[in-house]
């Protein structure tokens, strides 16, 4: 389960860094991945969702060095990344048309 938790953290961090990715895109990715966050970055999932070109490019080939640095900081600091589909993401923010993909 720890590996899956790290995968989910990696995906949340990727969402946070993806240029132009918004909450609606994350919801569409999660729906295309049949509710499984760990499948959101799979090529087949990405192909089923209309994403901004810059976000799609980033999610297809993320900067793993930057993300690994983010993950190291997150785990050492105790900070969390909330994807817009997470229950703790603020509902009022999620309702905005341009809500961020992650906090």
N, C-alpha and C. Protein backbone atom coordinates (compact mmCIF):
# COMPACT_ATOMS: atom_id res chain seq x y z
N UNK A 1 0.81 -1.21 0.00
CA UNK A 1 0.00 0.00 0.00
C UNK A 1 0.85 1.27 0.00
N UNK A 2 2.06 1.20 0.57
CA UNK A 2 2.91 2.38 0.59
C UNK A 2 3.30 2.78 -0.82
N UNK A 3 3.56 1.78 -1.70
CA UNK A 3 3.92 2.09 -3.09
C UNK A 3 2.76 2.80 -3.78
N UNK A 4 1.54 2.32 -3.55
CA UNK A 4 0.37 2.97 -4.16
C UNK A 4 0.19 4.38 -3.62
N UNK A 5 0.42 4.57 -2.33
CA UNK A 5 0.31 5.92 -1.75
C UNK A 5 1.35 6.85 -2.38
N UNK A 6 2.56 6.35 -2.61
CA UNK A 6 3.59 7.17 -3.25
C UNK A 6 3.20 7.47 -4.69
N UNK A 7 2.63 6.48 -5.39
CA UNK A 7 2.17 6.71 -6.75
C UNK A 7 1.11 7.82 -6.77
N UNK A 8 0.18 7.76 -5.82
CA UNK A 8 -0.86 8.79 -5.76
C UNK A 8 -0.26 10.15 -5.45
N UNK A 9 0.73 10.21 -4.58
CA UNK A 9 1.39 11.47 -4.27
C UNK A 9 2.12 11.99 -5.51
N UNK A 10 2.79 11.11 -6.25
CA UNK A 10 3.47 11.50 -7.48
C UNK A 10 2.47 12.09 -8.47
N UNK A 11 1.31 11.45 -8.60
CA UNK A 11 0.29 11.93 -9.54
C UNK A 11 -0.26 13.28 -9.10
N UNK A 12 -0.52 13.43 -7.81
CA UNK A 12 -0.99 14.73 -7.30
C UNK A 12 0.05 15.82 -7.57
N UNK A 13 1.33 15.51 -7.34
CA UNK A 13 2.39 16.48 -7.59
C UNK A 13 2.48 16.80 -9.08
N UNK A 14 2.29 15.80 -9.93
CA UNK A 14 2.29 16.03 -11.38
C UNK A 14 1.13 16.94 -11.77
N UNK A 15 -0.05 16.70 -11.19
CA UNK A 15 -1.20 17.58 -11.46
C UNK A 15 -0.87 19.02 -11.06
N UNK A 16 -0.24 19.18 -9.90
CA UNK A 16 0.06 20.52 -9.40
C UNK A 16 1.02 21.26 -10.33
N UNK A 17 1.93 20.56 -10.96
CA UNK A 17 2.91 21.19 -11.84
C UNK A 17 2.47 21.30 -13.30
N UNK A 18 1.47 20.56 -13.71
CA UNK A 18 1.06 20.54 -15.13
C UNK A 18 0.50 21.90 -15.54
N UNK A 19 1.13 22.56 -16.51
CA UNK A 19 0.68 23.89 -16.92
C UNK A 19 -0.73 23.87 -17.54
N UNK A 20 -1.59 24.71 -17.00
CA UNK A 20 -2.93 24.85 -17.55
C UNK A 20 -3.92 23.78 -17.12
N UNK A 21 -3.49 22.84 -16.30
CA UNK A 21 -4.40 21.79 -15.84
C UNK A 21 -5.32 22.36 -14.77
N UNK A 22 -6.60 22.12 -14.90
CA UNK A 22 -7.60 22.64 -13.97
C UNK A 22 -8.40 21.50 -13.34
N UNK A 23 -9.20 21.84 -12.37
CA UNK A 23 -10.00 20.85 -11.64
C UNK A 23 -10.87 20.02 -12.57
N UNK A 24 -11.48 20.66 -13.55
CA UNK A 24 -12.35 19.92 -14.48
C UNK A 24 -11.56 18.87 -15.26
N UNK A 25 -10.31 19.18 -15.59
CA UNK A 25 -9.47 18.21 -16.28
C UNK A 25 -9.17 17.01 -15.39
N UNK A 26 -8.88 17.28 -14.12
CA UNK A 26 -8.59 16.19 -13.18
C UNK A 26 -9.81 15.30 -13.02
N UNK A 27 -10.98 15.91 -12.92
CA UNK A 27 -12.22 15.12 -12.80
C UNK A 27 -12.41 14.24 -14.03
N UNK A 28 -12.13 14.79 -15.22
CA UNK A 28 -12.27 14.01 -16.45
C UNK A 28 -11.24 12.88 -16.51
N UNK A 29 -10.02 13.15 -16.06
CA UNK A 29 -8.99 12.11 -16.01
C UNK A 29 -9.38 10.99 -15.06
N UNK A 30 -9.88 11.36 -13.90
CA UNK A 30 -10.29 10.36 -12.91
C UNK A 30 -11.45 9.52 -13.45
N UNK A 31 -12.38 10.16 -14.14
CA UNK A 31 -13.50 9.42 -14.74
C UNK A 31 -12.98 8.46 -15.82
N UNK A 32 -12.06 8.93 -16.65
CA UNK A 32 -11.49 8.10 -17.71
C UNK A 32 -10.68 6.94 -17.13
N UNK A 33 -10.13 7.13 -15.93
CA UNK A 33 -9.36 6.08 -15.25
C UNK A 33 -10.25 5.23 -14.36
N UNK A 34 -11.56 5.35 -14.53
CA UNK A 34 -12.55 4.58 -13.78
C UNK A 34 -12.37 4.73 -12.28
N UNK A 35 -12.06 5.97 -11.86
CA UNK A 35 -11.96 6.27 -10.44
C UNK A 35 -10.64 5.90 -9.79
N UNK A 36 -9.69 5.38 -10.57
CA UNK A 36 -8.42 4.94 -10.02
C UNK A 36 -7.35 6.00 -10.29
N UNK A 37 -7.01 6.78 -9.27
CA UNK A 37 -6.06 7.87 -9.43
C UNK A 37 -4.73 7.38 -10.00
N UNK A 38 -4.31 6.18 -9.62
CA UNK A 38 -3.01 5.69 -10.07
C UNK A 38 -2.97 5.39 -11.57
N UNK A 39 -4.11 5.41 -12.23
CA UNK A 39 -4.16 5.17 -13.68
C UNK A 39 -4.33 6.46 -14.48
N UNK A 40 -4.37 7.60 -13.82
CA UNK A 40 -4.64 8.86 -14.51
C UNK A 40 -3.55 9.27 -15.50
N UNK A 41 -2.32 8.83 -15.29
CA UNK A 41 -1.24 9.22 -16.19
C UNK A 41 -0.93 8.17 -17.24
N UNK A 42 -1.70 7.09 -17.27
CA UNK A 42 -1.49 6.08 -18.30
C UNK A 42 -1.82 6.65 -19.67
N UNK A 43 -1.05 6.29 -20.69
CA UNK A 43 -1.29 6.83 -22.04
C UNK A 43 -2.74 6.66 -22.51
N UNK A 44 -3.35 5.52 -22.24
CA UNK A 44 -4.73 5.29 -22.68
C UNK A 44 -5.70 6.25 -21.99
N UNK A 45 -5.45 6.54 -20.72
CA UNK A 45 -6.30 7.49 -19.99
C UNK A 45 -6.12 8.89 -20.54
N UNK A 46 -4.87 9.31 -20.71
CA UNK A 46 -4.59 10.65 -21.24
C UNK A 46 -5.20 10.84 -22.62
N UNK A 47 -5.23 9.79 -23.42
CA UNK A 47 -5.77 9.88 -24.78
C UNK A 47 -7.29 10.08 -24.79
N UNK A 48 -7.96 9.70 -23.71
CA UNK A 48 -9.43 9.80 -23.66
C UNK A 48 -9.94 11.15 -23.16
N UNK A 49 -9.03 12.04 -22.74
CA UNK A 49 -9.45 13.30 -22.13
C UNK A 49 -8.90 14.47 -22.94
N UNK A 50 -9.75 15.47 -23.15
CA UNK A 50 -9.34 16.68 -23.86
C UNK A 50 -8.62 17.60 -22.88
N UNK A 51 -7.30 17.67 -23.00
CA UNK A 51 -6.48 18.46 -22.09
C UNK A 51 -5.77 19.57 -22.86
N UNK A 52 -5.43 20.67 -22.17
CA UNK A 52 -4.61 21.69 -22.82
C UNK A 52 -3.29 21.05 -23.29
N UNK A 53 -2.78 21.50 -24.42
CA UNK A 53 -1.59 20.89 -25.01
C UNK A 53 -0.40 20.87 -24.05
N UNK A 54 -0.17 21.97 -23.34
CA UNK A 54 0.97 22.03 -22.42
C UNK A 54 0.81 21.04 -21.27
N UNK A 55 -0.42 20.92 -20.75
CA UNK A 55 -0.67 19.97 -19.67
C UNK A 55 -0.48 18.54 -20.16
N UNK A 56 -1.00 18.25 -21.34
CA UNK A 56 -0.87 16.90 -21.89
C UNK A 56 0.60 16.54 -22.10
N UNK A 57 1.35 17.48 -22.64
CA UNK A 57 2.78 17.25 -22.86
C UNK A 57 3.49 16.97 -21.55
N UNK A 58 3.19 17.76 -20.53
CA UNK A 58 3.82 17.59 -19.21
C UNK A 58 3.43 16.24 -18.60
N UNK A 59 2.14 15.89 -18.66
CA UNK A 59 1.69 14.65 -18.04
C UNK A 59 2.21 13.41 -18.77
N UNK A 60 2.40 13.54 -20.07
CA UNK A 60 2.97 12.41 -20.84
C UNK A 60 4.44 12.19 -20.50
N UNK A 61 5.17 13.27 -20.28
CA UNK A 61 6.60 13.18 -20.00
C UNK A 61 6.97 14.19 -18.91
N UNK A 62 6.57 13.90 -17.67
CA UNK A 62 6.82 14.86 -16.59
C UNK A 62 8.31 14.94 -16.26
N UNK A 63 8.69 16.07 -15.68
CA UNK A 63 10.06 16.27 -15.22
C UNK A 63 10.21 15.50 -13.91
N UNK A 64 10.70 14.28 -14.02
CA UNK A 64 10.77 13.42 -12.83
C UNK A 64 11.74 13.95 -11.78
N UNK A 65 12.80 14.65 -12.21
CA UNK A 65 13.72 15.22 -11.23
C UNK A 65 13.00 16.26 -10.37
N UNK A 66 12.23 17.12 -11.01
CA UNK A 66 11.47 18.13 -10.27
C UNK A 66 10.44 17.47 -9.37
N UNK A 67 9.75 16.46 -9.89
CA UNK A 67 8.73 15.78 -9.08
C UNK A 67 9.35 15.02 -7.92
N UNK A 68 10.49 14.38 -8.15
CA UNK A 68 11.16 13.69 -7.04
C UNK A 68 11.59 14.67 -5.97
N UNK A 69 12.03 15.86 -6.37
CA UNK A 69 12.37 16.90 -5.41
C UNK A 69 11.13 17.33 -4.63
N UNK A 70 10.01 17.49 -5.34
CA UNK A 70 8.74 17.83 -4.68
C UNK A 70 8.36 16.75 -3.67
N UNK A 71 8.47 15.50 -4.08
CA UNK A 71 8.08 14.38 -3.21
C UNK A 71 8.96 14.33 -1.97
N UNK A 72 10.25 14.57 -2.16
CA UNK A 72 11.17 14.58 -1.03
C UNK A 72 10.78 15.66 -0.04
N UNK A 73 10.48 16.86 -0.56
CA UNK A 73 10.07 17.96 0.32
C UNK A 73 8.74 17.63 1.01
N UNK A 74 7.79 17.11 0.24
CA UNK A 74 6.48 16.80 0.82
C UNK A 74 6.60 15.79 1.95
N UNK A 75 7.34 14.72 1.73
CA UNK A 75 7.44 13.69 2.76
C UNK A 75 8.23 14.17 3.97
N UNK A 76 9.24 15.02 3.77
CA UNK A 76 10.02 15.49 4.92
C UNK A 76 9.30 16.60 5.69
N UNK A 77 8.46 17.37 5.01
CA UNK A 77 7.80 18.50 5.67
C UNK A 77 6.46 18.13 6.30
N UNK A 78 5.89 17.02 5.85
CA UNK A 78 4.56 16.65 6.33
C UNK A 78 3.44 17.36 5.60
N UNK A 79 3.79 18.12 4.56
CA UNK A 79 2.78 18.82 3.76
C UNK A 79 2.02 17.81 2.90
N UNK A 80 0.88 18.22 2.41
CA UNK A 80 0.03 17.37 1.57
C UNK A 80 -0.31 18.09 0.28
N UNK A 81 -0.58 17.32 -0.75
CA UNK A 81 -1.09 17.86 -2.00
C UNK A 81 -2.50 17.32 -2.15
N UNK A 82 -3.45 18.22 -2.36
CA UNK A 82 -4.83 17.81 -2.57
C UNK A 82 -5.16 17.94 -4.05
N UNK A 83 -5.56 16.84 -4.66
CA UNK A 83 -6.10 16.91 -6.02
C UNK A 83 -7.52 17.46 -5.91
N UNK A 84 -7.97 18.09 -6.97
CA UNK A 84 -9.31 18.70 -6.93
C UNK A 84 -10.42 17.67 -6.76
N UNK A 85 -10.11 16.40 -6.93
CA UNK A 85 -11.11 15.34 -6.74
C UNK A 85 -11.07 14.76 -5.33
N UNK A 86 -10.13 15.21 -4.50
CA UNK A 86 -10.03 14.71 -3.13
C UNK A 86 -11.14 15.30 -2.26
N UNK A 87 -11.64 14.53 -1.31
CA UNK A 87 -12.73 15.01 -0.45
C UNK A 87 -12.38 16.27 0.34
N UNK A 88 -11.11 16.46 0.70
CA UNK A 88 -10.72 17.63 1.50
C UNK A 88 -10.50 18.90 0.67
N UNK A 89 -10.54 18.79 -0.65
CA UNK A 89 -10.41 19.97 -1.51
C UNK A 89 -11.64 20.86 -1.26
N UNK A 90 -11.45 22.15 -1.06
CA UNK A 90 -12.60 23.02 -0.74
C UNK A 90 -13.69 23.01 -1.83
N UNK A 91 -14.90 22.69 -1.42
CA UNK A 91 -16.03 22.61 -2.35
C UNK A 91 -16.26 23.93 -3.08
N UNK A 92 -16.17 25.04 -2.36
CA UNK A 92 -16.43 26.33 -2.99
C UNK A 92 -15.39 26.64 -4.07
N UNK A 93 -14.16 26.22 -3.85
CA UNK A 93 -13.12 26.42 -4.85
C UNK A 93 -13.34 25.51 -6.05
N UNK A 94 -13.73 24.27 -5.79
CA UNK A 94 -13.96 23.30 -6.85
C UNK A 94 -15.04 23.78 -7.83
N UNK A 95 -16.00 24.55 -7.33
CA UNK A 95 -17.09 25.02 -8.18
C UNK A 95 -16.67 26.11 -9.15
N UNK A 96 -15.51 26.72 -8.93
CA UNK A 96 -15.04 27.76 -9.85
C UNK A 96 -14.63 27.12 -11.17
N UNK A 97 -14.91 27.79 -12.25
CA UNK A 97 -14.59 27.25 -13.56
C UNK A 97 -13.11 27.04 -13.81
N UNK A 98 -12.29 27.83 -13.17
CA UNK A 98 -10.85 27.72 -13.39
C UNK A 98 -10.12 27.25 -12.13
N UNK A 99 -10.80 26.45 -11.32
CA UNK A 99 -10.20 25.95 -10.08
C UNK A 99 -8.92 25.19 -10.37
N UNK A 100 -7.92 25.36 -9.52
CA UNK A 100 -6.64 24.67 -9.75
C UNK A 100 -6.80 23.15 -9.65
N UNK A 101 -5.95 22.44 -10.36
CA UNK A 101 -5.97 20.97 -10.37
C UNK A 101 -5.60 20.41 -9.01
N UNK A 102 -4.74 21.12 -8.31
CA UNK A 102 -4.26 20.64 -7.01
C UNK A 102 -3.87 21.82 -6.14
N UNK A 103 -3.92 21.58 -4.85
CA UNK A 103 -3.49 22.57 -3.83
C UNK A 103 -2.38 21.98 -3.01
